[in-house]
Protein backbone atom coordinates (compact mmCIF):
# COMPACT_ATOMS: atom_id res chain seq x y z
CA UNK A 1 19.23 -3.23 -14.46
CA UNK A 2 18.08 -1.82 -11.14
CA UNK A 3 17.80 -4.03 -8.06
CA UNK A 4 14.08 -4.96 -7.61
CA UNK A 5 14.53 -4.34 -3.87
CA UNK A 6 15.34 -0.69 -4.66
CA UNK A 7 12.49 1.35 -6.10
CA UNK A 8 13.08 4.95 -7.14
CA UNK A 9 10.31 7.49 -7.72
CA UNK A 10 10.80 11.24 -7.80
CA UNK A 11 13.20 12.23 -5.00
CA UNK A 12 12.48 9.02 -3.11
CA UNK A 13 14.36 5.74 -2.84
CA UNK A 14 12.48 2.79 -1.41
CA UNK A 15 14.83 0.12 -0.08
CA UNK A 16 12.51 -2.85 0.33
CA UNK A 17 15.16 -5.25 1.67
CA UNK A 18 16.08 -2.89 4.51
CA UNK A 19 12.57 -1.44 5.01
CA UNK A 20 13.83 2.10 4.48
CA UNK A 21 12.44 5.07 2.62
CA UNK A 22 14.73 7.99 1.90
CA UNK A 23 14.21 11.35 0.23
CA UNK A 24 17.39 12.92 -1.09
CA UNK A 25 19.37 10.77 1.36
CA UNK A 26 17.23 11.63 4.41
CA UNK A 27 15.53 8.65 6.06
CA UNK A 28 11.76 9.02 6.43
CA UNK A 29 10.15 7.04 9.21
CA UNK A 30 7.04 5.11 8.24
CA UNK A 31 4.87 2.83 10.37
CA UNK A 32 5.03 -0.79 9.15
CA UNK A 33 1.62 -0.88 7.42
CA UNK A 34 2.32 2.42 5.66
CA UNK A 35 5.62 0.99 4.43
CA UNK A 36 3.88 -2.17 3.16
CA UNK A 37 1.29 -0.07 1.37
CA UNK A 38 3.98 2.05 -0.26
CA UNK A 39 5.90 -1.04 -1.44
CA UNK A 40 2.72 -2.54 -2.87
CA UNK A 41 1.86 0.64 -4.79
CA UNK A 42 5.45 1.43 -5.85
CA UNK A 43 5.73 -1.98 -7.50
CA UNK A 44 2.70 -1.13 -9.66
CA UNK A 45 3.44 2.28 -11.17
CA UNK A 46 0.65 3.59 -13.35
CA UNK A 47 -1.65 0.68 -12.53
CA UNK A 48 -5.14 0.91 -11.13
CA UNK A 49 -5.08 -1.02 -7.87
CA UNK A 50 -8.37 -2.32 -6.57
CA UNK A 51 -9.16 -1.88 -2.90
CA UNK A 52 -9.53 -5.65 -2.37
CA UNK A 53 -6.07 -6.26 -3.88
CA UNK A 54 -4.57 -3.68 -1.56
CA UNK A 55 -6.35 -5.11 1.49
CA UNK A 56 -5.21 -8.64 0.65
CA UNK A 57 -1.61 -7.56 0.07
CA UNK A 58 -1.20 -5.33 3.11
CA UNK A 59 -3.62 -6.80 5.64
CA UNK A 60 -3.81 -10.42 4.47
CA UNK A 61 -7.56 -10.90 4.18
CA UNK A 62 -8.26 -9.88 7.78
CA UNK A 63 -11.18 -7.59 8.45
CA UNK A 64 -9.93 -4.02 8.32
CA UNK A 65 -12.04 -0.98 9.06
CA UNK A 66 -12.27 1.92 6.63
CA UNK A 67 -10.76 4.07 9.38
CA UNK A 68 -7.63 1.90 9.57
CA UNK A 69 -7.14 2.10 5.81
CA UNK A 70 -7.64 5.89 5.83
CA UNK A 71 -5.14 6.24 8.70
CA UNK A 72 -2.45 4.32 6.82
CA UNK A 73 -3.08 6.29 3.62
CA UNK A 74 -2.90 9.55 5.60
CA UNK A 75 0.40 8.49 7.21
CA UNK A 76 1.80 7.72 3.80
CA UNK A 77 0.62 11.00 2.28
CA UNK A 78 2.11 12.95 5.18
CA UNK A 79 5.46 11.19 4.81
CA UNK A 80 5.59 11.75 1.05
CA UNK A 81 4.40 15.34 1.27
């Protein structure tokens, strides 16, 4: 059984315990919120995640602008290619 702190998808390995994302052994730098978003989504493969769930999990019920959310999603997309 795989360690729940290690999530593998495609060429990526997400090491939750050490806050590290690697692709084929190469470390990819992610800003903290982008990393939190990735962990949240990676733990729910194939699930539809509602925006409110995502906001609660990553931003903890604070007011967050649409722009901030889009920025984090863009950072994550850029990192994952």
